[in-house]
């Protein structure tokens, strides 16, 4: 039998891809509806001002980040010691429960901020276990030579879900609010079925005589002693932490951007949430067909700079179409960074450490997203939505310049075949 030339020629990878796609479809469509409900309920039922309601969006980010921060190190160890398929499926199961509960309170008219915050925290629990387990499956079912292409396809699944999911969530919510949740629950159920149908593969060889706490610490130590990995993880953490424009999209949809003289509303919010994913999807498809091969580190750094400038443009724009274009460019730039970072992390980590390293990377990603929402909410309360977004974009550019100097390994990373020890570049 001929060796596969594409990850899609591997049946288990196709199941993995579909499961990943459906999980993102479910969670992202819920995210846009949840954000709208929080902001709208705060403005109407609680009578809050725009700045105070924007702060509630930051709380949503925080309540999702906190359980992930606490559980992610344990989740990484679980992914290295247990069947990763079952761990990922169980995590999606937690999301399914959350989505069904959100649908029930929406249908019954019992929506309140405490209920929304409490249920949103379950998504943080799910993400803590889903990220390290699901991302660690691909290297077990795809040959190393095809892994860069698989990373591109993985990102395509995520970005297609992020294109279709928000738009679908906005449309379904406009038709009947609870309907958005019922459809998201269906996607989660499909994801669970696909993930569990992947053929079993050997568990990583982990020394089970070592205390679990020490094994968790080994993951942090591995990244701390690898400047390349440490630079990759922390660059994403601080750049996206500052430039969290998406957290304030409900503010722009309800109170800032208009279309033919009317606020763009929940449907416009869905389109704005989808716009970054449109740019990212096109980029991910290109990268899956023609992966970046040269000067990977420099290209990642420049991509973050473009991300920052696109964030500034969105913050200042009052033209709805220009705002959508800025968000699409933002997503395309972020996709280049995600592709390079994800490939470097996977190929620079041994299989027995992938769960723990992925969980730490997941903490950084979650911190950049959820804590970024918290930072955006606080900044919006102090500076207004426009000031907060522009401040974040400038901050992302400044951080990139600093990281290029603090972590020269990023600039010197020429190809994905490069390896680094704690101090200097090594041959492959």
Protein backbone atom coordinates (compact mmCIF):
# COMPACT_ATOMS: atom_id res chain seq x y z
CA UNK A 1 0.00 0.00 0.00
CA UNK A 2 1.39 3.41 -0.97
CA UNK A 3 2.29 5.81 1.79
CA UNK A 4 -0.24 8.65 2.12
CA UNK A 5 0.77 11.97 0.61
CA UNK A 6 -1.93 13.94 2.45
CA UNK A 7 -3.38 13.63 5.96
CA UNK A 8 -6.86 13.44 4.40
CA UNK A 9 -5.92 10.06 2.88
CA UNK A 10 -5.84 8.65 6.43
CA UNK A 11 -9.36 7.55 7.57
CA UNK A 12 -8.71 8.25 11.25
CA UNK A 13 -7.50 11.73 10.44
CA UNK A 14 -10.73 12.44 8.54
CA UNK A 15 -12.73 11.44 11.65
CA UNK A 16 -10.44 13.58 13.77
CA UNK A 17 -10.89 16.56 11.43
CA UNK A 18 -14.68 16.28 11.39
CA UNK A 19 -14.83 15.93 15.18
CA UNK A 20 -12.66 19.00 15.60
CA UNK A 21 -14.75 20.96 13.11
CA UNK A 22 -18.04 20.13 14.80
CA UNK A 23 -16.71 20.98 18.26
CA UNK A 24 -15.67 24.42 17.05
CA UNK A 25 -18.97 24.91 15.26
CA UNK A 26 -20.83 24.24 18.49
CA UNK A 27 -18.67 26.28 20.84
CA UNK A 28 -18.18 29.33 18.59
CA UNK A 29 -21.83 29.65 17.64
CA UNK A 30 -22.65 29.58 21.35
CA UNK A 31 -19.96 32.18 22.12
CA UNK A 32 -21.52 34.80 19.85
CA UNK A 33 -25.01 34.23 21.29
CA UNK A 34 -23.72 34.20 24.86
CA UNK A 35 -21.84 37.47 24.34
CA UNK A 36 -24.92 39.12 22.89
CA UNK A 37 -27.14 37.89 25.71
CA UNK A 38 -24.76 39.10 28.42
CA UNK A 39 -24.45 42.59 26.94
CA UNK A 40 -28.13 42.89 26.04
CA UNK A 41 -29.38 41.63 29.41
CA UNK A 42 -26.97 43.95 31.22
CA UNK A 43 -28.26 46.92 29.21
CA UNK A 44 -31.97 46.10 29.40
CA UNK A 45 -32.83 43.96 32.43
CA UNK A 46 -30.16 45.51 34.68
CA UNK A 47 -30.20 49.03 33.21
CA UNK A 48 -26.42 49.29 32.99
CA UNK A 49 -24.57 51.93 30.99
CA UNK A 50 -22.63 50.89 27.89
CA UNK A 51 -19.31 50.94 29.77
CA UNK A 52 -20.63 48.88 32.69
CA UNK A 53 -22.28 46.40 30.34
CA UNK A 54 -19.01 46.10 28.41
CA UNK A 55 -17.32 45.19 31.69
CA UNK A 56 -19.73 42.23 32.00
CA UNK A 57 -18.23 40.87 28.78
CA UNK A 58 -14.89 40.87 30.55
CA UNK A 59 -16.38 38.87 33.41
CA UNK A 60 -17.51 36.22 30.91
CA UNK A 61 -13.90 35.87 29.81
CA UNK A 62 -12.67 35.62 33.38
CA UNK A 63 -15.14 32.94 34.51
CA UNK A 64 -14.11 30.81 31.53
CA UNK A 65 -10.40 31.33 32.10
CA UNK A 66 -10.34 30.59 35.83
CA UNK A 67 -11.34 26.88 35.69
CA UNK A 68 -9.06 26.35 32.70
CA UNK A 69 -6.13 27.93 34.53
CA UNK A 70 -6.71 25.70 37.57
CA UNK A 71 -7.39 22.48 35.66
CA UNK A 72 -5.11 22.74 32.59
CA UNK A 73 -1.96 21.30 34.23
CA UNK A 74 -3.96 18.33 35.49
CA UNK A 75 -5.65 18.00 32.09
CA UNK A 76 -2.26 17.82 30.37
CA UNK A 77 -1.19 14.97 32.63
CA UNK A 78 -4.49 13.20 32.01
CA UNK A 79 -3.90 13.51 28.24
CA UNK A 80 -0.47 11.88 28.68
CA UNK A 81 -1.73 9.03 30.88
CA UNK A 82 -5.20 8.16 29.50
CA UNK A 83 -6.91 7.47 26.19
CA UNK A 84 -6.84 10.88 24.51
CA UNK A 85 -9.91 10.06 22.42
CA UNK A 86 -12.06 9.47 25.49
CA UNK A 87 -10.72 12.52 27.31
CA UNK A 88 -11.52 14.77 24.32
CA UNK A 89 -14.99 13.25 23.92
CA UNK A 90 -15.74 13.72 27.63
CA UNK A 91 -14.68 17.37 27.39
CA UNK A 92 -17.10 17.96 24.51
CA UNK A 93 -19.72 16.22 26.66
CA UNK A 94 -19.30 18.93 29.30
CA UNK A 95 -19.86 21.55 26.60
CA UNK A 96 -22.97 19.66 25.49
CA UNK A 97 -24.43 19.83 29.00
CA UNK A 98 -23.66 23.55 29.22
CA UNK A 99 -25.28 24.26 25.85
CA UNK A 100 -28.44 22.32 26.69
CA UNK A 101 -28.76 24.24 29.97
CA UNK A 102 -28.30 27.59 28.17
CA UNK A 103 -30.97 26.56 25.68
CA UNK A 104 -33.35 25.65 28.49
CA UNK A 105 -33.03 28.95 30.37
CA UNK A 106 -33.29 30.90 27.11
CA UNK A 107 -36.45 29.06 26.07
CA UNK A 108 -38.01 29.55 29.51
CA UNK A 109 -37.11 33.26 29.72
CA UNK A 110 -35.05 32.69 32.87
CA UNK A 111 -31.90 34.37 31.53
CA UNK A 112 -29.90 36.28 34.15
CA UNK A 113 -26.28 37.34 34.45
CA UNK A 114 -25.45 34.90 37.30
CA UNK A 115 -26.90 32.00 35.29
CA UNK A 116 -24.96 33.00 32.17
CA UNK A 117 -21.72 33.41 34.14
CA UNK A 118 -22.15 30.11 35.96
CA UNK A 119 -22.83 28.09 32.83
CA UNK A 120 -20.05 29.85 30.90
CA UNK A 121 -17.56 28.60 33.49
CA UNK A 122 -18.34 25.03 32.39
CA UNK A 123 -16.89 25.89 28.99
CA UNK A 124 -13.61 26.67 30.73
CA UNK A 125 -13.67 23.20 32.30
CA UNK A 126 -14.29 21.63 28.89
CA UNK A 127 -11.53 23.60 27.19
CA UNK A 128 -9.03 22.64 29.88
CA UNK A 129 -9.31 18.97 28.90
CA UNK A 130 -10.26 19.27 25.22
CA UNK A 131 -7.23 21.27 24.07
CA UNK A 132 -4.32 19.09 25.23
CA UNK A 133 -6.08 15.79 24.49
CA UNK A 134 -7.38 16.69 21.01
CA UNK A 135 -4.22 18.45 19.82
CA UNK A 136 -2.11 15.48 20.96
CA UNK A 137 -4.10 12.99 18.88
CA UNK A 138 -2.90 14.22 15.47
CA UNK A 139 0.79 13.22 15.91
CA UNK A 140 -0.40 9.71 16.85
CA UNK A 141 -2.37 9.18 13.64
CA UNK A 142 -0.39 11.27 11.12
CA UNK A 143 3.24 10.62 10.06
CA UNK A 144 5.69 13.34 11.15
CA UNK A 145 6.41 14.31 7.53
CA UNK A 146 2.70 15.14 7.03
CA UNK A 147 2.24 16.95 10.34
CA UNK A 148 2.76 20.52 9.00
CA UNK A 149 0.00 19.89 6.46
CA UNK A 150 -2.17 18.40 9.21
CA UNK A 151 -1.65 21.51 11.35
CA UNK A 152 -2.87 23.59 8.43
CA UNK A 153 -5.91 21.36 7.97
CA UNK A 154 -6.60 21.41 11.72
CA UNK A 155 -6.60 25.18 11.60
CA UNK A 156 -8.87 25.06 8.55
CA UNK A 157 -11.39 23.02 10.55
CA UNK A 158 -11.26 25.54 13.37
CA UNK A 159 -11.52 28.55 11.09
CA UNK A 160 -14.34 27.17 8.94
CA UNK A 161 -16.20 26.53 12.17
CA UNK A 162 -15.46 30.08 13.26
CA UNK A 163 -16.74 31.42 9.93
CA UNK A 164 -19.96 29.46 9.79
CA UNK A 165 -20.58 29.16 13.55
CA UNK A 166 -20.94 32.84 14.50
CA UNK A 167 -22.99 33.70 11.42
CA UNK A 168 -25.21 30.67 12.00
CA UNK A 169 -25.56 31.48 15.69
CA UNK A 170 -26.57 35.08 14.93
CA UNK A 171 -29.13 34.04 12.31
CA UNK A 172 -30.64 31.28 14.48
CA UNK A 173 -30.84 33.59 17.49
CA UNK A 174 -32.64 36.18 15.36
CA UNK A 175 -35.14 33.50 14.28
CA UNK A 176 -35.68 31.99 17.72
CA UNK A 177 -33.12 32.53 20.53
CA UNK A 178 -33.08 28.99 21.94
CA UNK A 179 -32.73 27.47 18.44
CA UNK A 180 -29.08 28.57 18.32
CA UNK A 181 -28.36 26.40 21.35
CA UNK A 182 -30.23 23.33 20.08
CA UNK A 183 -28.26 23.34 16.82
CA UNK A 184 -24.97 23.82 18.70
CA UNK A 185 -25.83 20.81 20.87
CA UNK A 186 -26.27 18.70 17.72
CA UNK A 187 -22.79 19.66 16.54
CA UNK A 188 -21.33 18.64 19.90
CA UNK A 189 -23.02 15.24 19.70
CA UNK A 190 -21.54 14.65 16.23
CA UNK A 191 -18.10 15.66 17.51
CA UNK A 192 -18.29 13.13 20.33
CA UNK A 193 -19.26 10.33 17.93
CA UNK A 194 -16.45 11.15 15.48
CA UNK A 195 -13.79 11.37 18.17
CA UNK A 196 -14.73 8.05 19.75
CA UNK A 197 -14.71 6.35 16.33
CA UNK A 198 -10.97 7.01 15.84
CA UNK A 199 -9.02 3.74 16.03
CA UNK A 200 -7.26 3.17 19.37
CA UNK A 201 -3.53 3.92 19.42
CA UNK A 202 -0.87 3.12 22.03
CA UNK A 203 -0.79 5.31 25.11
CA UNK A 204 2.35 7.43 25.56
CA UNK A 205 5.11 5.78 27.59
CA UNK A 206 5.03 7.72 30.85
CA UNK A 207 6.96 6.79 33.99
CA UNK A 208 4.08 6.13 36.37
CA UNK A 209 6.43 5.77 39.35
CA UNK A 210 7.01 9.54 39.24
CA UNK A 211 4.59 11.56 41.39
CA UNK A 212 1.88 13.25 39.29
CA UNK A 213 2.77 16.69 40.65
CA UNK A 214 6.35 16.20 39.55
CA UNK A 215 5.16 15.11 36.10
CA UNK A 216 3.10 18.30 35.85
CA UNK A 217 6.15 20.33 36.85
CA UNK A 218 8.17 18.57 34.13
CA UNK A 219 5.94 20.14 31.48
CA UNK A 220 6.61 23.65 32.80
CA UNK A 221 10.32 22.89 33.10
CA UNK A 222 10.50 21.60 29.53
CA UNK A 223 9.09 24.85 28.15
CA UNK A 224 11.11 27.03 30.53
CA UNK A 225 14.36 25.46 29.30
CA UNK A 226 13.42 25.81 25.62
CA UNK A 227 13.69 29.48 24.59
CA UNK A 228 12.01 28.72 21.28
CA UNK A 229 8.90 27.20 22.89
CA UNK A 230 8.85 29.78 25.68
CA UNK A 231 9.01 32.60 23.14
CA UNK A 232 6.23 31.09 21.02
CA UNK A 233 3.88 30.54 23.95
CA UNK A 234 4.42 33.89 25.66
CA UNK A 235 4.27 35.91 22.42
CA UNK A 236 0.74 34.67 21.81
CA UNK A 237 -0.13 35.21 25.47
CA UNK A 238 0.80 38.88 25.65
CA UNK A 239 0.02 39.98 22.08
CA UNK A 240 -3.53 38.60 22.00
CA UNK A 241 -4.07 39.43 25.68
CA UNK A 242 -3.71 43.09 24.75
CA UNK A 243 -5.42 43.02 21.34
CA UNK A 244 -8.69 41.33 22.31
CA UNK A 245 -10.95 43.28 19.96
CA UNK A 246 -13.46 40.44 19.56
CA UNK A 247 -14.56 40.74 23.20
CA UNK A 248 -15.98 44.19 22.46
CA UNK A 249 -17.81 43.25 19.27
CA UNK A 250 -21.22 43.31 21.01
CA UNK A 251 -20.54 46.96 21.91
CA UNK A 252 -19.74 47.78 18.29
CA UNK A 253 -22.77 45.82 17.05
CA UNK A 254 -25.25 47.46 19.42
CA UNK A 255 -23.95 50.98 19.97
CA UNK A 256 -21.26 51.97 17.43
CA UNK A 257 -21.52 50.47 13.93
CA UNK A 258 -24.61 51.04 11.79
CA UNK A 259 -25.97 49.82 8.47
CA UNK A 260 -28.40 52.11 6.62
CA UNK A 261 -28.81 54.16 9.75
CA UNK A 262 -29.60 51.26 12.10
CA UNK A 263 -27.34 49.36 14.54
CA UNK A 264 -26.03 46.17 12.92
CA UNK A 265 -27.46 44.15 15.83
CA UNK A 266 -27.06 40.42 16.51
CA UNK A 267 -26.83 39.48 12.82
CA UNK A 268 -24.08 42.04 12.35
CA UNK A 269 -22.38 40.69 15.45
CA UNK A 270 -22.41 37.21 13.94
CA UNK A 271 -20.89 38.55 10.74
CA UNK A 272 -18.20 40.42 12.64
CA UNK A 273 -17.36 37.35 14.69
CA UNK A 274 -17.13 35.38 11.46
CA UNK A 275 -14.97 37.94 9.59
CA UNK A 276 -11.64 37.05 11.28
CA UNK A 277 -12.33 33.40 10.56
CA UNK A 278 -12.98 34.16 6.87
CA UNK A 279 -9.48 35.60 6.54
CA UNK A 280 -8.04 32.81 8.66
CA UNK A 281 -9.81 30.08 6.68
CA UNK A 282 -8.48 31.28 3.34
CA UNK A 283 -4.99 31.48 4.86
CA UNK A 284 -5.31 28.04 6.49
CA UNK A 285 -6.33 26.43 3.20
CA UNK A 286 -3.32 28.00 1.47
CA UNK A 287 -1.02 26.84 4.28
CA UNK A 288 -2.39 23.29 4.20
CA UNK A 289 -1.60 23.12 0.46
CA UNK A 290 1.65 25.11 0.58
CA UNK A 291 2.99 25.08 4.16
CA UNK A 292 5.47 27.75 5.16
CA UNK A 293 8.94 26.21 4.82
CA UNK A 294 11.50 29.04 5.15
CA UNK A 295 12.11 31.81 7.69
CA UNK A 296 9.21 30.55 9.75
CA UNK A 297 10.07 32.57 12.88
CA UNK A 298 10.40 35.93 11.14
CA UNK A 299 7.12 35.36 9.30
CA UNK A 300 5.39 34.61 12.59
CA UNK A 301 6.69 37.86 14.11
CA UNK A 302 5.58 39.97 11.14
CA UNK A 303 2.18 38.28 11.22
CA UNK A 304 1.66 39.48 14.81
CA UNK A 305 2.62 43.02 13.76
CA UNK A 306 0.00 42.94 10.98
CA UNK A 307 -2.48 41.60 13.55
CA UNK A 308 -1.83 44.65 15.71
CA UNK A 309 -2.26 47.15 12.86
CA UNK A 310 -5.51 45.48 11.74
CA UNK A 311 -6.80 45.73 15.31
CA UNK A 312 -6.07 49.47 15.35
CA UNK A 313 -7.87 49.95 12.02
CA UNK A 314 -10.94 48.12 13.30
CA UNK A 315 -11.01 50.19 16.47
CA UNK A 316 -10.98 53.47 14.56
CA UNK A 317 -13.32 52.48 11.72
CA UNK A 318 -16.93 53.62 11.65
CA UNK A 319 -17.65 52.06 8.25
CA UNK A 320 -19.18 48.62 8.68
CA UNK A 321 -17.64 47.14 5.53
CA UNK A 322 -14.18 48.51 6.37
CA UNK A 323 -14.56 47.06 9.86
CA UNK A 324 -15.34 43.62 8.40
CA UNK A 325 -12.28 43.90 6.12
CA UNK A 326 -10.03 44.84 9.05
CA UNK A 327 -11.30 41.85 11.02
CA UNK A 328 -10.63 39.54 8.06
CA UNK A 329 -7.03 40.79 7.79
CA UNK A 330 -6.67 40.36 11.55
CA UNK A 331 -7.78 36.73 11.25
CA UNK A 332 -5.46 36.00 8.32
CA UNK A 333 -2.44 37.36 10.20
CA UNK A 334 -3.36 35.42 13.33
CA UNK A 335 -3.63 32.24 11.27
CA UNK A 336 -0.02 32.53 10.08
CA UNK A 337 1.09 32.92 13.69
CA UNK A 338 -1.06 29.97 14.83
CA UNK A 339 0.28 27.75 12.03
CA UNK A 340 3.94 28.43 12.78
CA UNK A 341 3.54 28.25 16.54
CA UNK A 342 1.45 25.07 16.45
CA UNK A 343 3.88 23.24 14.17
CA UNK A 344 6.92 24.27 16.20
CA UNK A 345 5.30 23.15 19.46
CA UNK A 346 4.22 19.75 18.11
CA UNK A 347 7.49 18.93 16.35
CA UNK A 348 9.67 20.16 19.21
CA UNK A 349 7.94 18.06 21.89
CA UNK A 350 8.29 14.29 22.49
CA UNK A 351 5.04 12.32 22.50
CA UNK A 352 5.19 11.53 26.21
CA UNK A 353 5.27 15.28 26.95
CA UNK A 354 2.78 16.53 24.34
CA UNK A 355 -0.25 16.54 26.61
CA UNK A 356 1.48 18.55 29.31
CA UNK A 357 3.16 20.97 26.90
CA UNK A 358 -0.11 21.39 25.00
CA UNK A 359 -1.95 22.12 28.24
CA UNK A 360 0.53 24.87 29.12
CA UNK A 361 0.20 26.27 25.61
CA UNK A 362 -3.57 26.05 26.11
CA UNK A 363 -3.30 28.08 29.32
CA UNK A 364 -1.48 30.78 27.36
CA UNK A 365 -4.06 30.71 24.57
CA UNK A 366 -6.92 30.79 27.05
CA UNK A 367 -5.28 33.57 29.03
CA UNK A 368 -4.81 35.56 25.83
CA UNK A 369 -8.45 35.01 24.87
CA UNK A 370 -10.44 34.95 28.11
CA UNK A 371 -8.20 37.26 30.16
CA UNK A 372 -7.94 39.38 27.02
CA UNK A 373 -11.71 39.74 27.22
CA UNK A 374 -11.36 40.76 30.87
CA UNK A 375 -8.66 43.30 29.97
CA UNK A 376 -10.82 44.63 27.15
CA UNK A 377 -13.80 45.01 29.46
CA UNK A 378 -11.74 46.94 32.03
CA UNK A 379 -10.06 49.06 29.34
CA UNK A 380 -13.44 49.81 27.75
CA UNK A 381 -14.80 50.95 31.10
CA UNK A 382 -11.83 53.34 31.44
CA UNK A 383 -11.10 54.36 27.83
CA UNK A 384 -14.28 53.52 25.95
CA UNK A 385 -14.55 50.72 23.40
CA UNK A 386 -12.55 52.54 20.71
CA UNK A 387 -9.75 53.51 23.09
CA UNK A 388 -9.54 49.96 24.42
CA UNK A 389 -9.25 48.37 20.97
CA UNK A 390 -6.66 50.87 19.71
CA UNK A 391 -4.63 50.53 22.92
CA UNK A 392 -4.61 46.75 22.46
CA UNK A 393 -3.43 46.92 18.86
CA UNK A 394 -0.54 49.24 19.75
CA UNK A 395 0.35 46.95 22.66
CA UNK A 396 0.53 43.89 20.39
CA UNK A 397 3.00 45.67 18.08
CA UNK A 398 5.18 46.77 21.00
CA UNK A 399 5.22 43.26 22.50
CA UNK A 400 6.28 41.75 19.17
CA UNK A 401 9.26 44.10 18.97
CA UNK A 402 10.30 43.27 22.52
CA UNK A 403 9.97 39.51 21.97
CA UNK A 404 12.07 39.68 18.79
CA UNK A 405 14.88 41.04 20.97
CA UNK A 406 14.30 38.91 24.09
CA UNK A 407 13.95 35.62 22.17
CA UNK A 408 16.38 35.70 19.20
CA UNK A 409 15.57 32.01 18.66
CA UNK A 410 12.28 33.18 17.15
CA UNK A 411 14.08 35.27 14.54
CA UNK A 412 16.66 32.54 13.89
CA UNK A 413 14.11 29.76 13.41
CA UNK A 414 14.53 29.11 9.69
CA UNK A 415 12.60 25.86 9.16
CA UNK A 416 10.45 23.47 11.17
CA UNK A 417 13.36 21.00 11.18
CA UNK A 418 15.43 23.21 13.50
CA UNK A 419 15.96 22.19 17.12
CA UNK A 420 17.23 24.25 20.04
CA UNK A 421 18.73 23.46 23.36
CA UNK A 422 18.43 25.81 26.33
CA UNK A 423 20.96 28.30 25.04
CA UNK A 424 21.81 27.91 21.40
CA UNK A 425 20.73 26.63 18.03
CA UNK A 426 21.44 22.98 17.27
CA UNK A 427 21.45 20.98 14.13
CA UNK A 428 18.41 18.81 13.47
